[in-house]
C-alpha atoms as a PDB file:
ATOM      1  CA  MET A   1    -100.392 -18.563 -70.026  1.00  0.00           C
ATOM      2  CA  SER A   2    -102.979 -15.916 -69.252  1.00  0.00           C
ATOM      3  CA  ARG A   3    -102.150 -13.014 -66.993  1.00  0.00           C
ATOM      4  CA  GLU A   4    -104.638 -10.404 -65.870  1.00  0.00           C
ATOM      5  CA  MET A   5    -103.216  -6.977 -65.237  1.00  0.00           C
ATOM      6  CA  TYR A   6    -105.077  -4.119 -63.621  1.00  0.00           C
ATOM      7  CA  TYR A   7    -103.973  -0.667 -62.617  1.00  0.00           C
ATOM      8  CA  GLU A   8    -104.393   0.381 -58.998  1.00  0.00           C
ATOM      9  CA  PRO A   9    -104.240   4.059 -58.015  1.00  0.00           C
ATOM     10  CA  ILE A  10    -101.795   5.033 -55.284  1.00  0.00           C
ATOM     11  CA  ASN A  11    -102.496   7.676 -52.633  1.00  0.00           C
ATOM     12  CA  ASN A  12    -106.004   7.955 -54.082  1.00  0.00           C
ATOM     13  CA  SER A  13    -104.707  10.347 -56.731  1.00  0.00           C
ATOM     14  CA  GLY A  14    -101.297   9.447 -58.076  1.00  0.00           C
ATOM     15  CA  PRO A  15     -99.388   7.311 -60.561  1.00  0.00           C
ATOM     16  CA  TYR A  16    -100.956   4.002 -61.539  1.00  0.00           C
ATOM     17  CA  LEU A  17     -98.923   0.851 -60.999  1.00  0.00           C
ATOM     18  CA  PRO A  18     -99.486  -2.256 -63.131  1.00  0.00           C
ATOM     19  CA  ILE A  19    -100.277  -5.173 -60.811  1.00  0.00           C
ATOM     20  CA  GLN A  20    -100.192  -8.776 -61.986  1.00  0.00           C
ATOM     21  CA  ILE A  21    -102.735 -11.149 -60.448  1.00  0.00           C
END
């Protein structure tokens, strides 16, 4: 099982949330 995770910035400048795609 291969999962790609990328971090997407919130409110342009804020905490990064790990998103699984």
